Amino acid sequence: MAVQAVAKYVRISPTKVRPVADLIRGKNVEEALHILRFTRKAAARPVSKVVNSAVANAKQRGDIDVDTLYISTICVDQGPVLKRFRPAPMGRAHPIRKRTSHIKVVLEEE
């Protein structure tokens, strides 16, 4: 039985989130949360929030044993880009692209 949780429009670049997602892919939920707690990356906090949300969804369902859950899939997709401009010399403007991410976690029982 699969349980999922999705965080959309997270204000961090997907290229920064993907290495953190690779750390916990295929791991047990307890082990994954332990790894995320001690990972020194800014992306570890939103990823751990999504994993905790998926665990809460599994508890809410009732027929799933939370202790046997593992992360079967975790994918980080690019969300919409906020486009901003910064003043540059000689009256020009340089674009700034503020990227967002969609993080999806799917948990399954072993």
C-alpha atoms as a PDB file:
ATOM      1  CA  MET A   1       0.000   0.000   0.000  1.00  0.00           C
ATOM      2  CA  ALA A   2       1.587   3.269  -1.109  1.00  0.00           C
ATOM      3  CA  VAL A   3       1.240   6.553   0.740  1.00  0.00           C
ATOM      4  CA  GLN A   4       2.403   9.843  -0.711  1.00  0.00           C
ATOM      5  CA  ALA A   5       2.948  13.466   0.200  1.00  0.00           C
ATOM      6  CA  VAL A   6       3.742  16.412  -2.064  1.00  0.00           C
ATOM      7  CA  ALA A   7       5.225  19.827  -1.296  1.00  0.00           C
ATOM      8  CA  LYS A   8       4.732  22.292  -4.110  1.00  0.00           C
ATOM      9  CA  TYR A   9       6.309  25.664  -4.823  1.00  0.00           C
ATOM     10  CA  VAL A  10       9.181  25.194  -2.351  1.00  0.00           C
ATOM     11  CA  ARG A  11      11.474  28.216  -2.745  1.00  0.00           C
ATOM     12  CA  ILE A  12      14.713  26.345  -3.317  1.00  0.00           C
ATOM     13  CA  SER A  13      16.321  25.264  -6.567  1.00  0.00           C
ATOM     14  CA  PRO A  14      15.721  21.645  -7.646  1.00  0.00           C
ATOM     15  CA  THR A  15      19.444  21.194  -8.310  1.00  0.00           C
ATOM     16  CA  LYS A  16      20.065  21.853  -4.612  1.00  0.00           C
ATOM     17  CA  VAL A  17      17.305  19.500  -3.449  1.00  0.00           C
ATOM     18  CA  ARG A  18      18.135  16.505  -5.664  1.00  0.00           C
ATOM     19  CA  PRO A  19      21.410  15.500  -3.901  1.00  0.00           C
ATOM     20  CA  VAL A  20      19.570  15.492  -0.562  1.00  0.00           C
ATOM     21  CA  ALA A  21      16.805  13.352  -2.064  1.00  0.00           C
ATOM     22  CA  ASP A  22      19.415  10.923  -3.374  1.00  0.00           C
ATOM     23  CA  LEU A  23      20.728  10.440   0.173  1.00  0.00           C
ATOM     24  CA  ILE A  24      17.469   8.945   1.460  1.00  0.00           C
ATOM     25  CA  ARG A  25      16.052   7.157  -1.595  1.00  0.00           C
ATOM     26  CA  GLY A  26      15.292   3.508  -0.714  1.00  0.00           C
ATOM     27  CA  LYS A  27      15.984   3.936   3.008  1.00  0.00           C
ATOM     28  CA  ASN A  28      13.786   3.117   5.988  1.00  0.00           C
ATOM     29  CA  VAL A  29      11.775   6.140   7.209  1.00  0.00           C
ATOM     30  CA  GLU A  30      13.486   6.320  10.605  1.00  0.00           C
ATOM     31  CA  GLU A  31      16.917   6.079   9.031  1.00  0.00           C
ATOM     32  CA  ALA A  32      16.004   8.695   6.407  1.00  0.00           C
ATOM     33  CA  LEU A  33      14.811  11.191   9.021  1.00  0.00           C
ATOM     34  CA  HIS A  34      17.979  10.560  11.039  1.00  0.00           C
ATOM     35  CA  ILE A  35      20.116  11.240   7.948  1.00  0.00           C
ATOM     36  CA  LEU A  36      18.182  14.420   7.161  1.00  0.00           C
ATOM     37  CA  ARG A  37      18.527  15.704  10.714  1.00  0.00           C
ATOM     38  CA  PHE A  38      22.323  15.679  10.452  1.00  0.00           C
ATOM     39  CA  THR A  39      22.654  16.761   6.820  1.00  0.00           C
ATOM     40  CA  ARG A  40      24.137  20.236   6.568  1.00  0.00           C
ATOM     41  CA  LYS A  41      22.142  21.404   3.557  1.00  0.00           C
ATOM     42  CA  ALA A  42      19.308  23.905   3.422  1.00  0.00           C
ATOM     43  CA  ALA A  43      17.235  21.441   1.400  1.00  0.00           C
ATOM     44  CA  ALA A  44      17.197  18.911   4.248  1.00  0.00           C
ATOM     45  CA  ARG A  45      14.476  20.791   6.131  1.00  0.00           C
ATOM     46  CA  PRO A  46      11.790  20.849   3.384  1.00  0.00           C
ATOM     47  CA  VAL A  47      12.547  17.237   2.444  1.00  0.00           C
ATOM     48  CA  SER A  48      12.159  16.108   6.059  1.00  0.00           C
ATOM     49  CA  LYS A  49       8.865  17.998   6.266  1.00  0.00           C
ATOM     50  CA  VAL A  50       7.532  16.105   3.260  1.00  0.00           C
ATOM     51  CA  VAL A  51       8.688  12.753   4.680  1.00  0.00           C
ATOM     52  CA  ASN A  52       7.014  13.557   8.016  1.00  0.00           C
ATOM     53  CA  SER A  53       3.846  14.528   6.158  1.00  0.00           C
ATOM     54  CA  ALA A  54       3.833  11.198   4.313  1.00  0.00           C
ATOM     55  CA  VAL A  55       4.271   9.345   7.627  1.00  0.00           C
ATOM     56  CA  ALA A  56       1.353  11.313   9.084  1.00  0.00           C
ATOM     57  CA  ASN A  57      -0.745  10.360   6.041  1.00  0.00           C
ATOM     58  CA  ALA A  58       0.107   6.698   6.663  1.00  0.00           C
ATOM     59  CA  LYS A  59      -0.909   6.986  10.330  1.00  0.00           C
ATOM     60  CA  GLN A  60      -4.172   8.615   9.306  1.00  0.00           C
ATOM     61  CA  ARG A  61      -4.973   5.724   6.978  1.00  0.00           C
ATOM     62  CA  GLY A  62      -4.821   3.301   9.900  1.00  0.00           C
ATOM     63  CA  ASP A  63      -4.238  -0.033   8.143  1.00  0.00           C
ATOM     64  CA  ILE A  64      -0.494   0.579   7.593  1.00  0.00           C
ATOM     65  CA  ASP A  65       2.289  -0.328  10.031  1.00  0.00           C
ATOM     66  CA  VAL A  66       4.376   2.864  10.270  1.00  0.00           C
ATOM     67  CA  ASP A  67       7.485   1.035  11.523  1.00  0.00           C
ATOM     68  CA  THR A  68       7.890  -0.922   8.280  1.00  0.00           C
ATOM     69  CA  LEU A  69       7.668   2.031   5.876  1.00  0.00           C
ATOM     70  CA  TYR A  70      10.470   2.858   3.486  1.00  0.00           C
ATOM     71  CA  ILE A  71      10.916   5.553   0.848  1.00  0.00           C
ATOM     72  CA  SER A  72      10.143   3.833  -2.434  1.00  0.00           C
ATOM     73  CA  THR A  73      10.298   6.930  -4.641  1.00  0.00           C
ATOM     74  CA  ILE A  74      11.261  10.519  -4.060  1.00  0.00           C
ATOM     75  CA  CYS A  75      11.310  12.895  -6.982  1.00  0.00           C
ATOM     76  CA  VAL A  76      12.134  16.575  -7.229  1.00  0.00           C
ATOM     77  CA  ASP A  77      10.645  18.434 -10.167  1.00  0.00           C
ATOM     78  CA  GLN A  78      11.046  22.024 -11.209  1.00  0.00           C
ATOM     79  CA  GLY A  79       8.219  24.389 -10.395  1.00  0.00           C
ATOM     80  CA  PRO A  80       7.514  27.801 -11.865  1.00  0.00           C
ATOM     81  CA  VAL A  81      10.355  30.308 -11.995  1.00  0.00           C
ATOM     82  CA  LEU A  82       9.950  33.746 -10.439  1.00  0.00           C
ATOM     83  CA  LYS A  83      11.549  36.216 -12.812  1.00  0.00           C
ATOM     84  CA  ARG A  84      13.093  39.322 -11.286  1.00  0.00           C
ATOM     85  CA  PHE A  85      15.437  41.972 -12.659  1.00  0.00           C
ATOM     86  CA  ARG A  86      18.420  43.664 -11.092  1.00  0.00           C
ATOM     87  CA  PRO A  87      19.782  47.052 -12.154  1.00  0.00           C
ATOM     88  CA  ALA A  88      23.024  46.899 -14.076  1.00  0.00           C
ATOM     89  CA  PRO A  89      25.457  49.571 -15.303  1.00  0.00           C
ATOM     90  CA  MET A  90      24.556  51.939 -18.147  1.00  0.00           C
ATOM     91  CA  GLY A  91      20.788  51.668 -17.614  1.00  0.00           C
ATOM     92  CA  ARG A  92      20.582  47.959 -18.296  1.00  0.00           C
ATOM     93  CA  ALA A  93      18.868  45.200 -16.333  1.00  0.00           C
ATOM     94  CA  HIS A  94      20.129  41.694 -15.594  1.00  0.00           C
ATOM     95  CA  PRO A  95      17.584  38.911 -15.040  1.00  0.00           C
ATOM     96  CA  ILE A  96      17.424  36.879 -11.837  1.00  0.00           C
ATOM     97  CA  ARG A  97      15.630  33.533 -11.925  1.00  0.00           C
ATOM     98  CA  LYS A  98      14.282  32.437  -8.551  1.00  0.00           C
ATOM     99  CA  ARG A  99      13.565  28.749  -9.021  1.00  0.00           C
ATOM    100  CA  THR A 100      10.996  26.656  -7.148  1.00  0.00           C
ATOM    101  CA  SER A 101      10.672  22.915  -6.583  1.00  0.00           C
ATOM    102  CA  HIS A 102       7.947  20.307  -6.284  1.00  0.00           C
ATOM    103  CA  ILE A 103       8.979  17.484  -3.911  1.00  0.00           C
ATOM    104  CA  LYS A 104       7.030  14.199  -4.012  1.00  0.00           C
ATOM    105  CA  VAL A 105       7.636  11.323  -1.572  1.00  0.00           C
ATOM    106  CA  VAL A 106       6.018   7.891  -1.883  1.00  0.00           C
ATOM    107  CA  LEU A 107       6.244   5.456   1.041  1.00  0.00           C
ATOM    108  CA  GLU A 108       5.564   1.726   0.879  1.00  0.00           C
ATOM    109  CA  GLU A 109       5.531  -1.117   3.380  1.00  0.00           C
ATOM    110  CA  GLU A 110       8.387  -3.633   3.338  1.00  0.00           C
END
